[in-house]
């Protein structure tokens, strides 16, 4: 069910539980500002989620409230994870869903990294 990204942070969300070590994950990156792990329901041969360690609901929330160091560290982590996964060449897709219209399902900012095959067009045309 898509969420309203303007709602307050919910510390019971699955990514908060992963950050607290209450739920296991297949970790591929962990530093002071970001955690990355393989998606449990991959939509491409490589499908990794990168999350900031702070309590941010969405990209909008993160860009408004995070410190410059958190923003730089998170963006740097996304690039490092993509390179470490061997996706820099031939390429990959980043996706961050925000709010109900963006079909955000977990109320914690996360970026999907997709790769490992040609991914096709980004959106289906309106019909």
Protein backbone atom coordinates (compact mmCIF):
# COMPACT_ATOMS: atom_id res chain seq x y z
CA UNK A 1 0.00 0.00 0.00
CA UNK A 2 1.57 3.34 -1.01
CA UNK A 3 2.19 5.74 1.86
CA UNK A 4 1.75 9.47 2.38
CA UNK A 5 5.33 10.80 2.48
CA UNK A 6 4.23 13.84 4.51
CA UNK A 7 3.40 11.67 7.54
CA UNK A 8 5.81 11.56 10.50
CA UNK A 9 8.53 8.92 10.53
CA UNK A 10 7.29 5.50 11.71
CA UNK A 11 10.04 3.74 13.72
CA UNK A 12 8.19 0.43 13.26
CA UNK A 13 8.83 0.34 9.48
CA UNK A 14 10.81 -2.61 8.11
CA UNK A 15 13.90 -0.55 7.23
CA UNK A 16 14.07 0.91 10.75
CA UNK A 17 13.93 -2.66 12.07
CA UNK A 18 16.76 -3.66 9.70
CA UNK A 19 18.84 -0.69 10.90
CA UNK A 20 18.29 -1.75 14.53
CA UNK A 21 19.31 -5.33 13.72
CA UNK A 22 15.84 -6.71 14.50
CA UNK A 23 15.38 -8.03 10.94
CA UNK A 24 18.25 -9.60 8.97
CA UNK A 25 19.35 -8.40 5.54
CA UNK A 26 21.86 -9.42 2.86
CA UNK A 27 24.17 -6.46 3.52
CA UNK A 28 26.46 -5.19 0.75
CA UNK A 29 27.52 -1.83 2.26
CA UNK A 30 27.50 -0.40 5.77
CA UNK A 31 29.05 2.87 6.92
CA UNK A 32 28.22 5.61 9.40
CA UNK A 33 25.58 7.20 7.16
CA UNK A 34 24.12 4.51 4.89
CA UNK A 35 23.25 0.83 4.68
CA UNK A 36 22.79 -1.13 1.44
CA UNK A 37 21.35 -4.61 1.06
CA UNK A 38 19.91 -6.88 -1.60
CA UNK A 39 16.16 -6.64 -2.20
CA UNK A 40 14.27 -9.74 -1.04
CA UNK A 41 12.05 -9.56 -4.13
CA UNK A 42 14.48 -8.52 -6.89
CA UNK A 43 13.08 -6.90 -10.03
CA UNK A 44 16.37 -7.20 -11.96
CA UNK A 45 19.44 -9.47 -11.77
CA UNK A 46 20.98 -6.85 -9.47
CA UNK A 47 18.52 -5.09 -7.17
CA UNK A 48 20.03 -3.35 -4.16
CA UNK A 49 18.39 -0.93 -1.73
CA UNK A 50 20.38 1.91 -0.18
CA UNK A 51 18.97 3.65 2.89
CA UNK A 52 20.24 6.49 5.04
CA UNK A 53 20.71 5.68 8.70
CA UNK A 54 18.67 8.70 9.81
CA UNK A 55 14.91 8.72 10.27
CA UNK A 56 13.84 10.22 6.94
CA UNK A 57 10.51 9.35 5.31
CA UNK A 58 11.27 10.37 1.74
CA UNK A 59 13.66 12.17 -0.59
CA UNK A 60 11.75 15.39 0.09
CA UNK A 61 12.08 14.93 3.86
CA UNK A 62 15.78 14.00 3.56
CA UNK A 63 16.69 16.95 1.34
CA UNK A 64 14.89 19.33 3.73
CA UNK A 65 16.19 18.03 7.07
CA UNK A 66 19.42 16.06 6.61
CA UNK A 67 22.80 17.63 7.25
CA UNK A 68 25.14 18.33 4.35
CA UNK A 69 27.34 15.46 5.58
CA UNK A 70 24.39 13.03 5.60
CA UNK A 71 23.35 14.05 2.10
CA UNK A 72 26.88 13.78 0.70
CA UNK A 73 27.51 10.48 2.47
CA UNK A 74 24.27 8.93 1.27
CA UNK A 75 24.79 9.99 -2.34
CA UNK A 76 28.40 8.80 -2.19
CA UNK A 77 27.23 5.43 -0.80
CA UNK A 78 24.79 4.96 -3.70
CA UNK A 79 27.64 5.47 -6.19
CA UNK A 80 30.03 3.22 -4.27
CA UNK A 81 27.46 0.42 -4.11
CA UNK A 82 26.72 0.65 -7.84
CA UNK A 83 30.43 0.56 -8.69
CA UNK A 84 31.11 -2.32 -6.29
CA UNK A 85 28.28 -4.29 -7.92
CA UNK A 86 29.98 -3.83 -11.32
CA UNK A 87 27.19 -1.69 -12.72
CA UNK A 88 29.07 1.47 -13.75
CA UNK A 89 29.49 -0.04 -17.21
CA UNK A 90 27.17 -0.87 -19.01
CA UNK A 91 24.87 1.11 -16.69
CA UNK A 92 22.09 0.93 -14.13
CA UNK A 93 18.91 2.64 -12.98
CA UNK A 94 18.26 4.48 -9.72
CA UNK A 95 14.71 4.78 -8.41
CA UNK A 96 13.38 6.57 -5.34
CA UNK A 97 9.60 6.40 -4.95
CA UNK A 98 8.06 9.29 -3.00
CA UNK A 99 4.55 9.30 -1.57
CA UNK A 100 1.35 7.68 -2.74
CA UNK A 101 1.56 8.88 -6.37
CA UNK A 102 5.18 7.63 -6.55
CA UNK A 103 4.05 4.28 -5.06
CA UNK A 104 6.33 4.50 -2.01
CA UNK A 105 5.59 1.45 0.11
CA UNK A 106 8.07 1.78 3.01
CA UNK A 107 8.09 5.10 4.90
CA UNK A 108 11.89 5.32 5.06
CA UNK A 109 13.87 6.94 2.25
CA UNK A 110 15.43 4.29 0.04
CA UNK A 111 17.00 4.22 -3.38
CA UNK A 112 16.69 1.14 -5.57
CA UNK A 113 19.69 0.28 -7.73
CA UNK A 114 18.68 -1.92 -10.68
CA UNK A 115 21.10 -3.48 -13.15
CA UNK A 116 22.48 -6.58 -14.73
CA UNK A 117 20.40 -6.43 -17.93
CA UNK A 118 18.86 -3.86 -20.29
CA UNK A 119 16.01 -2.34 -18.32
CA UNK A 120 13.81 -0.93 -21.07
CA UNK A 121 11.88 2.34 -20.97
CA UNK A 122 11.47 4.05 -17.64
CA UNK A 123 7.69 4.44 -17.70
CA UNK A 124 4.87 2.92 -19.67
CA UNK A 125 3.20 5.52 -21.92
CA UNK A 126 -0.17 6.90 -20.80
CA UNK A 127 -2.99 5.10 -22.50
